[in-house]
Full PDB file with SEQRES, HELIX, SHEET, SSBOND, CRYST1, ORIGX, SCALE, CONECT and MASTER records, all heavy atoms in Angstrom:
SEQRES   1 A   41  PHE LEU ALA VAL ARG HIS LEU GLU ALA GLU PHE THR GLY          
SEQRES   2 A   41  GLU SER ALA HIS ALA GLY GLY HIS PRO GLU GLN GLY ARG          
SEQRES   3 A   41  ASN ALA VAL GLN ALA MET ALA THR ALA VAL GLN ASN LEU          
SEQRES   4 A   41  TYR GLY                                                      
HELIX    1 AA1 PRO A   22  GLN A   24  5                                   3    
HELIX    2 AA2 ALA A   28  LEU A   39  1                                  12    
CRYST1    1.000    1.000    1.000  90.00  90.00  90.00 P 1           1          
ORIGX1      1.000000  0.000000  0.000000        0.00000                         
ORIGX2      0.000000  1.000000  0.000000        0.00000                         
ORIGX3      0.000000  0.000000  1.000000        0.00000                         
SCALE1      1.000000  0.000000  0.000000        0.00000                         
SCALE2      0.000000  1.000000  0.000000        0.00000                         
SCALE3      0.000000  0.000000  1.000000        0.00000                         
ATOM      1  N   PHE A   1     117.812  64.546  95.044  1.00  0.00           N  
ATOM      2  CA  PHE A   1     116.486  64.908  94.540  1.00  0.00           C  
ATOM      3  C   PHE A   1     115.850  65.925  95.492  1.00  0.00           C  
ATOM      4  O   PHE A   1     115.794  65.697  96.702  1.00  0.00           O  
ATOM      5  CB  PHE A   1     115.582  63.673  94.473  1.00  0.00           C  
ATOM      6  CG  PHE A   1     116.065  62.602  93.552  1.00  0.00           C  
ATOM      7  CD1 PHE A   1     116.766  61.511  94.041  1.00  0.00           C  
ATOM      8  CD2 PHE A   1     115.825  62.672  92.199  1.00  0.00           C  
ATOM      9  CE1 PHE A   1     117.209  60.510  93.200  1.00  0.00           C  
ATOM     10  CE2 PHE A   1     116.265  61.685  91.339  1.00  0.00           C  
ATOM     11  CZ  PHE A   1     116.961  60.596  91.844  1.00  0.00           C  
ATOM     12  N   LEU A   2     115.384  67.012  94.948  1.00  0.00           N  
ATOM     13  CA  LEU A   2     114.667  67.989  95.753  1.00  0.00           C  
ATOM     14  C   LEU A   2     113.180  67.637  95.765  1.00  0.00           C  
ATOM     15  O   LEU A   2     112.562  67.529  94.705  1.00  0.00           O  
ATOM     16  CB  LEU A   2     114.863  69.399  95.194  1.00  0.00           C  
ATOM     17  CG  LEU A   2     116.300  69.922  95.144  1.00  0.00           C  
ATOM     18  CD1 LEU A   2     116.324  71.331  94.561  1.00  0.00           C  
ATOM     19  CD2 LEU A   2     116.944  69.910  96.525  1.00  0.00           C  
ATOM     20  N   ALA A   3     112.638  67.420  96.964  1.00  0.00           N  
ATOM     21  CA  ALA A   3     111.195  67.235  97.061  1.00  0.00           C  
ATOM     22  C   ALA A   3     110.513  68.508  96.558  1.00  0.00           C  
ATOM     23  O   ALA A   3     111.000  69.617  96.778  1.00  0.00           O  
ATOM     24  CB  ALA A   3     110.803  66.953  98.509  1.00  0.00           C  
ATOM     25  N   VAL A   4     109.397  68.345  95.849  1.00  0.00           N  
ATOM     26  CA  VAL A   4     108.764  69.488  95.190  1.00  0.00           C  
ATOM     27  C   VAL A   4     107.260  69.460  95.403  1.00  0.00           C  
ATOM     28  O   VAL A   4     106.650  68.386  95.516  1.00  0.00           O  
ATOM     29  CB  VAL A   4     109.101  69.494  93.677  1.00  0.00           C  
ATOM     30  CG1 VAL A   4     108.539  68.261  92.986  1.00  0.00           C  
ATOM     31  CG2 VAL A   4     108.605  70.764  93.000  1.00  0.00           C  
ATOM     32  N   ARG A   5     106.660  70.637  95.458  1.00  0.00           N  
ATOM     33  CA  ARG A   5     105.195  70.762  95.497  1.00  0.00           C  
ATOM     34  C   ARG A   5     104.798  71.996  94.703  1.00  0.00           C  
ATOM     35  O   ARG A   5     105.399  73.056  94.850  1.00  0.00           O  
ATOM     36  CB  ARG A   5     104.704  70.882  96.943  1.00  0.00           C  
ATOM     37  CG  ARG A   5     103.188  71.076  97.071  1.00  0.00           C  
ATOM     38  CD  ARG A   5     102.771  71.041  98.535  1.00  0.00           C  
ATOM     39  NE  ARG A   5     102.955  69.698  99.092  1.00  0.00           N  
ATOM     40  CZ  ARG A   5     103.065  69.438 100.391  1.00  0.00           C  
ATOM     41  NH1 ARG A   5     103.045  70.439 101.268  1.00  0.00           N  
ATOM     42  NH2 ARG A   5     103.202  68.201 100.826  1.00  0.00           N  
ATOM     43  N   HIS A   6     103.794  71.849  93.848  1.00  0.00           N  
ATOM     44  CA  HIS A   6     103.256  72.971  93.089  1.00  0.00           C  
ATOM     45  C   HIS A   6     102.049  73.542  93.824  1.00  0.00           C  
ATOM     46  O   HIS A   6     101.228  72.803  94.382  1.00  0.00           O  
ATOM     47  CB  HIS A   6     102.840  72.522  91.685  1.00  0.00           C  
ATOM     48  CG  HIS A   6     103.994  72.123  90.828  1.00  0.00           C  
ATOM     49  ND1 HIS A   6     103.838  71.582  89.567  1.00  0.00           N  
ATOM     50  CD2 HIS A   6     105.334  72.196  91.029  1.00  0.00           C  
ATOM     51  CE1 HIS A   6     105.019  71.331  89.042  1.00  0.00           C  
ATOM     52  NE2 HIS A   6     105.942  71.695  89.917  1.00  0.00           N  
ATOM     53  N   LEU A   7     101.944  74.842  93.811  1.00  0.00           N  
ATOM     54  CA  LEU A   7     100.926  75.532  94.592  1.00  0.00           C  
ATOM     55  C   LEU A   7     100.336  76.674  93.765  1.00  0.00           C  
ATOM     56  O   LEU A   7     101.074  77.483  93.199  1.00  0.00           O  
ATOM     57  CB  LEU A   7     101.565  76.096  95.871  1.00  0.00           C  
ATOM     58  CG  LEU A   7     100.655  76.704  96.933  1.00  0.00           C  
ATOM     59  CD1 LEU A   7      99.786  75.611  97.559  1.00  0.00           C  
ATOM     60  CD2 LEU A   7     101.493  77.384  97.998  1.00  0.00           C  
ATOM     61  N   GLU A   8      99.026  76.724  93.684  1.00  0.00           N  
ATOM     62  CA  GLU A   8      98.350  77.836  93.007  1.00  0.00           C  
ATOM     63  C   GLU A   8      97.561  78.641  94.027  1.00  0.00           C  
ATOM     64  O   GLU A   8      96.826  78.080  94.842  1.00  0.00           O  
ATOM     65  CB  GLU A   8      97.416  77.324  91.913  1.00  0.00           C  
ATOM     66  CG  GLU A   8      96.739  78.457  91.144  1.00  0.00           C  
ATOM     67  CD  GLU A   8      95.922  77.970  89.958  1.00  0.00           C  
ATOM     68  OE1 GLU A   8      95.835  76.741  89.760  1.00  0.00           O  
ATOM     69  OE2 GLU A   8      95.377  78.825  89.238  1.00  0.00           O  
ATOM     70  N   ALA A   9      97.753  79.949  94.004  1.00  0.00           N  
ATOM     71  CA  ALA A   9      97.027  80.860  94.889  1.00  0.00           C  
ATOM     72  C   ALA A   9      96.188  81.799  94.035  1.00  0.00           C  
ATOM     73  O   ALA A   9      96.716  82.462  93.133  1.00  0.00           O  
ATOM     74  CB  ALA A   9      97.993  81.660  95.761  1.00  0.00           C  
ATOM     75  N   GLU A  10      94.884  81.876  94.304  1.00  0.00           N  
ATOM     76  CA  GLU A  10      93.974  82.745  93.563  1.00  0.00           C  
ATOM     77  C   GLU A  10      93.464  83.847  94.495  1.00  0.00           C  
ATOM     78  O   GLU A  10      92.852  83.566  95.528  1.00  0.00           O  
ATOM     79  CB  GLU A  10      92.814  81.935  92.990  1.00  0.00           C  
ATOM     80  CG  GLU A  10      93.251  80.915  91.945  1.00  0.00           C  
ATOM     81  CD  GLU A  10      92.076  80.256  91.248  1.00  0.00           C  
ATOM     82  OE1 GLU A  10      90.915  80.552  91.636  1.00  0.00           O  
ATOM     83  OE2 GLU A  10      92.303  79.466  90.328  1.00  0.00           O  
ATOM     84  N   PHE A  11      93.737  85.090  94.099  1.00  0.00           N  
ATOM     85  CA  PHE A  11      93.351  86.261  94.892  1.00  0.00           C  
ATOM     86  C   PHE A  11      92.039  86.830  94.349  1.00  0.00           C  
ATOM     87  O   PHE A  11      91.854  86.934  93.121  1.00  0.00           O  
ATOM     88  CB  PHE A  11      94.429  87.340  94.812  1.00  0.00           C  
ATOM     89  CG  PHE A  11      95.756  86.926  95.384  1.00  0.00           C  
ATOM     90  CD1 PHE A  11      96.686  86.239  94.613  1.00  0.00           C  
ATOM     91  CD2 PHE A  11      96.084  87.225  96.703  1.00  0.00           C  
ATOM     92  CE1 PHE A  11      97.910  85.865  95.128  1.00  0.00           C  
ATOM     93  CE2 PHE A  11      97.309  86.865  97.228  1.00  0.00           C  
ATOM     94  CZ  PHE A  11      98.223  86.177  96.445  1.00  0.00           C  
ATOM     95  N   THR A  12      91.168  87.233  95.255  1.00  0.00           N  
ATOM     96  CA  THR A  12      89.902  87.853  94.866  1.00  0.00           C  
ATOM     97  C   THR A  12      89.755  89.176  95.610  1.00  0.00           C  
ATOM     98  O   THR A  12      89.872  89.225  96.848  1.00  0.00           O  
ATOM     99  CB  THR A  12      88.707  86.948  95.208  1.00  0.00           C  
ATOM    100  OG1 THR A  12      88.876  85.683  94.588  1.00  0.00           O  
ATOM    101  CG2 THR A  12      87.404  87.590  94.726  1.00  0.00           C  
ATOM    102  N   GLY A  13      89.536  90.247  94.849  1.00  0.00           N  
ATOM    103  CA  GLY A  13      89.339  91.562  95.434  1.00  0.00           C  
ATOM    104  C   GLY A  13      88.028  92.169  94.984  1.00  0.00           C  
ATOM    105  O   GLY A  13      87.026  91.469  94.852  1.00  0.00           O  
ATOM    106  N   GLU A  14      88.042  93.470  94.692  1.00  0.00           N  
ATOM    107  CA  GLU A  14      86.835  94.177  94.248  1.00  0.00           C  
ATOM    108  C   GLU A  14      87.233  95.143  93.152  1.00  0.00           C  
ATOM    109  O   GLU A  14      88.152  95.955  93.320  1.00  0.00           O  
ATOM    110  CB  GLU A  14      86.208  94.941  95.413  1.00  0.00           C  
ATOM    111  CG  GLU A  14      84.890  95.620  95.087  1.00  0.00           C  
ATOM    112  CD  GLU A  14      83.751  94.620  94.962  1.00  0.00           C  
ATOM    113  OE1 GLU A  14      83.783  93.578  95.661  1.00  0.00           O  
ATOM    114  OE2 GLU A  14      82.827  94.873  94.156  1.00  0.00           O  
ATOM    115  N   SER A  15      86.584  95.054  92.005  1.00  0.00           N  
ATOM    116  CA  SER A  15      86.919  95.947  90.895  1.00  0.00           C  
ATOM    117  C   SER A  15      86.313  97.331  91.117  1.00  0.00           C  
ATOM    118  O   SER A  15      85.308  97.489  91.820  1.00  0.00           O  
ATOM    119  CB  SER A  15      86.429  95.365  89.574  1.00  0.00           C  
ATOM    120  OG  SER A  15      85.022  95.251  89.580  1.00  0.00           O  
ATOM    121  N   ALA A  16      86.936  98.334  90.497  1.00  0.00           N  
ATOM    122  CA  ALA A  16      86.449  99.717  90.569  1.00  0.00           C  
ATOM    123  C   ALA A  16      87.117 100.497  89.445  1.00  0.00           C  
ATOM    124  O   ALA A  16      88.103 100.039  88.842  1.00  0.00           O  
ATOM    125  CB  ALA A  16      86.774 100.340  91.925  1.00  0.00           C  
ATOM    126  N   HIS A  17      86.573 101.677  89.176  1.00  0.00           N  
ATOM    127  CA  HIS A  17      87.179 102.537  88.158  1.00  0.00           C  
ATOM    128  C   HIS A  17      88.457 103.137  88.745  1.00  0.00           C  
ATOM    129  O   HIS A  17      88.440 103.776  89.803  1.00  0.00           O  
ATOM    130  CB  HIS A  17      86.203 103.646  87.755  1.00  0.00           C  
ATOM    131  CG  HIS A  17      86.633 104.386  86.519  1.00  0.00           C  
ATOM    132  ND1 HIS A  17      87.693 105.274  86.517  1.00  0.00           N  
ATOM    133  CD2 HIS A  17      86.146 104.356  85.254  1.00  0.00           C  
ATOM    134  CE1 HIS A  17      87.839 105.760  85.302  1.00  0.00           C  
ATOM    135  NE2 HIS A  17      86.903 105.220  84.505  1.00  0.00           N  
ATOM    136  N   ALA A  18      89.573 102.937  88.033  1.00  0.00           N  
ATOM    137  CA  ALA A  18      90.867 103.348  88.581  1.00  0.00           C  
ATOM    138  C   ALA A  18      91.009 104.865  88.658  1.00  0.00           C  
ATOM    139  O   ALA A  18      91.799 105.369  89.469  1.00  0.00           O  
ATOM    140  CB  ALA A  18      91.999 102.772  87.736  1.00  0.00           C  
ATOM    141  N   GLY A  19      90.266 105.600  87.824  1.00  0.00           N  
ATOM    142  CA  GLY A  19      90.361 107.057  87.853  1.00  0.00           C  
ATOM    143  C   GLY A  19      89.300 107.697  88.706  1.00  0.00           C  
ATOM    144  O   GLY A  19      89.571 108.604  89.494  1.00  0.00           O  
ATOM    145  N   GLY A  20      88.049 107.194  88.575  1.00  0.00           N  
ATOM    146  CA  GLY A  20      86.939 107.846  89.246  1.00  0.00           C  
ATOM    147  C   GLY A  20      86.777 107.464  90.708  1.00  0.00           C  
ATOM    148  O   GLY A  20      86.529 108.331  91.555  1.00  0.00           O  
ATOM    149  N   HIS A  21      86.919 106.186  91.028  1.00  0.00           N  
ATOM    150  CA  HIS A  21      86.670 105.735  92.401  1.00  0.00           C  
ATOM    151  C   HIS A  21      87.690 104.672  92.818  1.00  0.00           C  
ATOM    152  O   HIS A  21      87.315 103.536  93.147  1.00  0.00           O  
ATOM    153  CB  HIS A  21      85.243 105.171  92.527  1.00  0.00           C  
ATOM    154  CG  HIS A  21      84.180 106.181  92.258  1.00  0.00           C  
ATOM    155  ND1 HIS A  21      83.845 107.173  93.168  1.00  0.00           N  
ATOM    156  CD2 HIS A  21      83.398 106.373  91.164  1.00  0.00           C  
ATOM    157  CE1 HIS A  21      82.892 107.913  92.663  1.00  0.00           C  
ATOM    158  NE2 HIS A  21      82.592 107.467  91.443  1.00  0.00           N  
ATOM    159  N   PRO A  22      88.957 105.004  92.833  1.00  0.00           N  
ATOM    160  CA  PRO A  22      89.962 104.000  93.208  1.00  0.00           C  
ATOM    161  C   PRO A  22      89.799 103.502  94.633  1.00  0.00           C  
ATOM    162  O   PRO A  22      90.181 102.370  94.943  1.00  0.00           O  
ATOM    163  CB  PRO A  22      91.285 104.756  93.031  1.00  0.00           C  
ATOM    164  CG  PRO A  22      90.930 106.202  93.163  1.00  0.00           C  
ATOM    165  CD  PRO A  22      89.565 106.322  92.560  1.00  0.00           C  
ATOM    166  N   GLU A  23      89.201 104.326  95.514  1.00  0.00           N  
ATOM    167  CA  GLU A  23      89.050 103.926  96.917  1.00  0.00           C  
ATOM    168  C   GLU A  23      88.036 102.799  97.093  1.00  0.00           C  
ATOM    169  O   GLU A  23      88.005 102.120  98.134  1.00  0.00           O  
ATOM    170  CB  GLU A  23      88.631 105.134  97.769  1.00  0.00           C  
ATOM    171  CG  GLU A  23      87.188 105.574  97.651  1.00  0.00           C  
ATOM    172  CD  GLU A  23      86.871 106.315  96.347  1.00  0.00           C  
ATOM    173  OE1 GLU A  23      87.806 106.592  95.564  1.00  0.00           O  
ATOM    174  OE2 GLU A  23      85.693 106.606  96.117  1.00  0.00           O  
ATOM    175  N   GLN A  24      87.226 102.564  96.076  1.00  0.00           N  
ATOM    176  CA  GLN A  24      86.211 101.520  96.170  1.00  0.00           C  
ATOM    177  C   GLN A  24      86.760 100.138  95.791  1.00  0.00           C  
ATOM    178  O   GLN A  24      86.086  99.128  95.977  1.00  0.00           O  
ATOM    179  CB  GLN A  24      85.011 101.862  95.274  1.00  0.00           C  
ATOM    180  CG  GLN A  24      84.279 103.120  95.706  1.00  0.00           C  
ATOM    181  CD  GLN A  24      83.147 103.463  94.759  1.00  0.00           C  
ATOM    182  OE1 GLN A  24      82.840 102.716  93.828  1.00  0.00           O  
ATOM    183  NE2 GLN A  24      82.504 104.616  95.002  1.00  0.00           N  
ATOM    184  N   GLY A  25      87.951 100.117  95.258  1.00  0.00           N  
ATOM    185  CA  GLY A  25      88.521  98.853  94.804  1.00  0.00           C  
ATOM    186  C   GLY A  25      89.357  98.151  95.865  1.00  0.00           C  
ATOM    187  O   GLY A  25      89.844  98.766  96.819  1.00  0.00           O  
ATOM    188  N   ARG A  26      89.500  96.849  95.677  1.00  0.00           N  
ATOM    189  CA  ARG A  26      90.433  96.043  96.460  1.00  0.00           C  
ATOM    190  C   ARG A  26      91.300  95.292  95.441  1.00  0.00           C  
ATOM    191  O   ARG A  26      90.813  94.387  94.751  1.00  0.00           O  
ATOM    192  CB  ARG A  26      89.696  95.066  97.380  1.00  0.00           C  
ATOM    193  CG  ARG A  26      88.907  95.777  98.481  1.00  0.00           C  
ATOM    194  CD  ARG A  26      88.240  94.784  99.442  1.00  0.00           C  
ATOM    195  NE  ARG A  26      87.129  94.089  98.812  1.00  0.00           N  
ATOM    196  CZ  ARG A  26      87.053  92.770  98.674  1.00  0.00           C  
ATOM    197  NH1 ARG A  26      88.052  91.994  99.074  1.00  0.00           N  
ATOM    198  NH2 ARG A  26      85.987  92.222  98.107  1.00  0.00           N  
ATOM    199  N   ASN A  27      92.540  95.720  95.328  1.00  0.00           N  
ATOM    200  CA  ASN A  27      93.379  95.374  94.183  1.00  0.00           C  
ATOM    201  C   ASN A  27      94.025  93.997  94.340  1.00  0.00           C  
ATOM    202  O   ASN A  27      94.983  93.801  95.102  1.00  0.00           O  
ATOM    203  CB  ASN A  27      94.464  96.439  94.007  1.00  0.00           C  
ATOM    204  CG  ASN A  27      95.135  96.352  92.652  1.00  0.00           C  
ATOM    205  OD1 ASN A  27      95.413  95.277  92.151  1.00  0.00           O  
ATOM    206  ND2 ASN A  27      95.401  97.516  92.052  1.00  0.00           N  
ATOM    207  N   ALA A  28      93.510  93.014  93.594  1.00  0.00           N  
ATOM    208  CA  ALA A  28      94.023  91.646  93.678  1.00  0.00           C  
ATOM    209  C   ALA A  28      95.436  91.534  93.117  1.00  0.00           C  
ATOM    210  O   ALA A  28      96.254  90.756  93.618  1.00  0.00           O  
ATOM    211  CB  ALA A  28      93.085  90.694  92.933  1.00  0.00           C  
ATOM    212  N   VAL A  29      95.744  92.323  92.087  1.00  0.00           N  
ATOM    213  CA  VAL A  29      97.096  92.291  91.528  1.00  0.00           C  
ATOM    214  C   VAL A  29      98.100  92.867  92.521  1.00  0.00           C  
ATOM    215  O   VAL A  29      99.232  92.388  92.635  1.00  0.00           O  
ATOM    216  CB  VAL A  29      97.152  93.044  90.183  1.00  0.00           C  
ATOM    217  CG1 VAL A  29      98.593  93.325  89.757  1.00  0.00           C  
ATOM    218  CG2 VAL A  29      96.448  92.229  89.100  1.00  0.00           C  
ATOM    219  N   GLN A  30      97.699  93.880  93.258  1.00  0.00           N  
ATOM    220  CA  GLN A  30      98.595  94.443  94.276  1.00  0.00           C  
ATOM    221  C   GLN A  30      98.885  93.410  95.367  1.00  0.00           C  
ATOM    222  O   GLN A  30     100.023  93.264  95.829  1.00  0.00           O  
ATOM    223  CB  GLN A  30      97.970  95.698  94.883  1.00  0.00           C  
ATOM    224  CG  GLN A  30      98.942  96.529  95.705  1.00  0.00           C  
ATOM    225  CD  GLN A  30      98.323  97.835  96.166  1.00  0.00           C  
ATOM    226  OE1 GLN A  30      97.103  98.020  96.078  1.00  0.00           O  
ATOM    227  NE2 GLN A  30      99.145  98.740  96.659  1.00  0.00           N  
ATOM    228  N   ALA A  31      97.866  92.674  95.750  1.00  0.00           N  
ATOM    229  CA  ALA A  31      98.072  91.602  96.730  1.00  0.00           C  
ATOM    230  C   ALA A  31      98.999  90.532  96.171  1.00  0.00           C  
ATOM    231  O   ALA A  31      99.910  90.043  96.856  1.00  0.00           O  
ATOM    232  CB  ALA A  31      96.732  90.997  97.117  1.00  0.00           C  
ATOM    233  N   MET A  32      98.784  90.168  94.912  1.00  0.00           N  
ATOM    234  CA  MET A  32      99.631  89.170  94.263  1.00  0.00           C  
ATOM    235  C   MET A  32     101.081  89.643  94.194  1.00  0.00           C  
ATOM    236  O   MET A  32     102.012  88.883  94.508  1.00  0.00           O  
ATOM    237  CB  MET A  32      99.131  88.891  92.851  1.00  0.00           C  
ATOM    238  CG  MET A  32     100.000  87.951  92.039  1.00  0.00           C  
ATOM    239  SD  MET A  32      99.659  88.080  90.271  1.00  0.00           S  
ATOM    240  CE  MET A  32     100.363  89.689  89.902  1.00  0.00           C  
ATOM    241  N   ALA A  33     101.292  90.904  93.799  1.00  0.00           N  
ATOM    242  CA  ALA A  33     102.648  91.440  93.682  1.00  0.00           C  
ATOM    243  C   ALA A  33     103.357  91.459  95.034  1.00  0.00           C  
ATOM    244  O   ALA A  33     104.553  91.155  95.135  1.00  0.00           O  
ATOM    245  CB  ALA A  33     102.609  92.840  93.077  1.00  0.00           C  
ATOM    246  N   THR A  34     102.612  91.819  96.076  1.00  0.00           N  
ATOM    247  CA  THR A  34     103.183  91.803  97.424  1.00  0.00           C  
ATOM    248  C   THR A  34     103.601  90.387  97.806  1.00  0.00           C  
ATOM    249  O   THR A  34     104.675  90.165  98.387  1.00  0.00           O  
ATOM    250  CB  THR A  34     102.168  92.345  98.443  1.00  0.00           C  
ATOM    251  OG1 THR A  34     101.830  93.691  98.101  1.00  0.00           O  
ATOM    252  CG2 THR A  34     102.721  92.303  99.858  1.00  0.00           C  
ATOM    253  N   ALA A  35     102.777  89.435  97.456  1.00  0.00           N  
ATOM    254  CA  ALA A  35     103.089  88.042  97.772  1.00  0.00           C  
ATOM    255  C   ALA A  35     104.337  87.570  97.039  1.00  0.00           C  
ATOM    256  O   ALA A  35     105.230  86.952  97.640  1.00  0.00           O  
ATOM    257  CB  ALA A  35     101.899  87.153  97.430  1.00  0.00           C  
ATOM    258  N   VAL A  36     104.418  87.862  95.747  1.00  0.00           N  
ATOM    259  CA  VAL A  36     105.579  87.427  94.967  1.00  0.00           C  
ATOM    260  C   VAL A  36     106.862  88.006  95.551  1.00  0.00           C  
ATOM    261  O   VAL A  36     107.869  87.301  95.732  1.00  0.00           O  
ATOM    262  CB  VAL A  36     105.428  87.840  93.488  1.00  0.00           C  
ATOM    263  CG1 VAL A  36     106.736  87.609  92.731  1.00  0.00           C  
ATOM    264  CG2 VAL A  36     104.296  87.055  92.829  1.00  0.00           C  
ATOM    265  N   GLN A  37     106.837  89.290  95.850  1.00  0.00           N  
ATOM    266  CA  GLN A  37     108.029  89.945  96.395  1.00  0.00           C  
ATOM    267  C   GLN A  37     108.490  89.285  97.689  1.00  0.00           C  
ATOM    268  O   GLN A  37     109.682  89.064  97.901  1.00  0.00           O  
ATOM    269  CB  GLN A  37     107.724  91.424  96.643  1.00  0.00           C  
ATOM    270  CG  GLN A  37     108.904  92.224  97.183  1.00  0.00           C  
ATOM    271  CD  GLN A  37     109.995  92.427  96.136  1.00  0.00           C  
ATOM    272  OE1 GLN A  37     109.739  92.321  94.938  1.00  0.00           O  
ATOM    273  NE2 GLN A  37     111.203  92.704  96.585  1.00  0.00           N  
ATOM    274  N   ASN A  38     107.532  88.917  98.538  1.00  0.00           N  
ATOM    275  CA  ASN A  38     107.891  88.390  99.849  1.00  0.00           C  
ATOM    276  C   ASN A  38     108.135  86.886  99.851  1.00  0.00           C  
ATOM    277  O   ASN A  38     108.779  86.370 100.770  1.00  0.00           O  
ATOM    278  CB  ASN A  38     106.820  88.767 100.863  1.00  0.00           C  
ATOM    279  CG  ASN A  38     106.887  90.243 101.230  1.00  0.00           C  
ATOM    280  OD1 ASN A  38     107.719  90.660 102.013  1.00  0.00           O  
ATOM    281  ND2 ASN A  38     106.009  91.047 100.624  1.00  0.00           N  
ATOM    282  N   LEU A  39     107.632  86.179  98.835  1.00  0.00           N  
ATOM    283  CA  LEU A  39     107.945  84.758  98.736  1.00  0.00           C  
ATOM    284  C   LEU A  39     109.451  84.545  98.629  1.00  0.00           C  
ATOM    285  O   LEU A  39     110.009  83.608  99.226  1.00  0.00           O  
ATOM    286  CB  LEU A  39     107.243  84.137  97.523  1.00  0.00           C  
ATOM    287  CG  LEU A  39     105.749  83.873  97.667  1.00  0.00           C  
ATOM    288  CD1 LEU A  39     105.154  83.472  96.323  1.00  0.00           C  
ATOM    289  CD2 LEU A  39     105.468  82.800  98.709  1.00  0.00           C  
ATOM    290  N   TYR A  40     110.106  85.421  97.881  1.00  0.00           N  
ATOM    291  CA  TYR A  40     111.551  85.278  97.701  1.00  0.00           C  
ATOM    292  C   TYR A  40     112.334  85.720  98.936  1.00  0.00           C  
ATOM    293  O   TYR A  40     113.552  85.566  98.982  1.00  0.00           O  
ATOM    294  CB  TYR A  40     112.003  86.052  96.463  1.00  0.00           C  
ATOM    295  CG  TYR A  40     111.555  85.393  95.181  1.00  0.00           C  
ATOM    296  CD1 TYR A  40     110.424  85.831  94.512  1.00  0.00           C  
ATOM    297  CD2 TYR A  40     112.253  84.314  94.651  1.00  0.00           C  
ATOM    298  CE1 TYR A  40     109.997  85.231  93.339  1.00  0.00           C  
ATOM    299  CE2 TYR A  40     111.835  83.700  93.479  1.00  0.00           C  
ATOM    300  CZ  TYR A  40     110.705  84.160  92.830  1.00  0.00           C  
ATOM    301  OH  TYR A  40     110.287  83.539  91.664  1.00  0.00           O  
ATOM    302  N   GLY A  41     111.614  86.239  99.927  1.00  0.00           N  
ATOM    303  CA  GLY A  41     112.268  86.622 101.171  1.00  0.00           C  
ATOM    304  C   GLY A  41     112.164  85.564 102.262  1.00  0.00           C  
ATOM    305  O   GLY A  41     112.624  85.788 103.385  1.00  0.00           O  
TER     306      GLY A  41                                                      
MASTER        0    0    0    2    0    0    0    6  305    1    0    4          
END                                                                             
């Protein structure tokens, strides 16, 4: 039997217009994608 634990992580950033002011945003999906990629590492 493999011991198991479920874990939910919620990322919070800052929304912004992707075309007009991308520098004002903090991209929660980008943080999530980075996490997923590195979890498997």
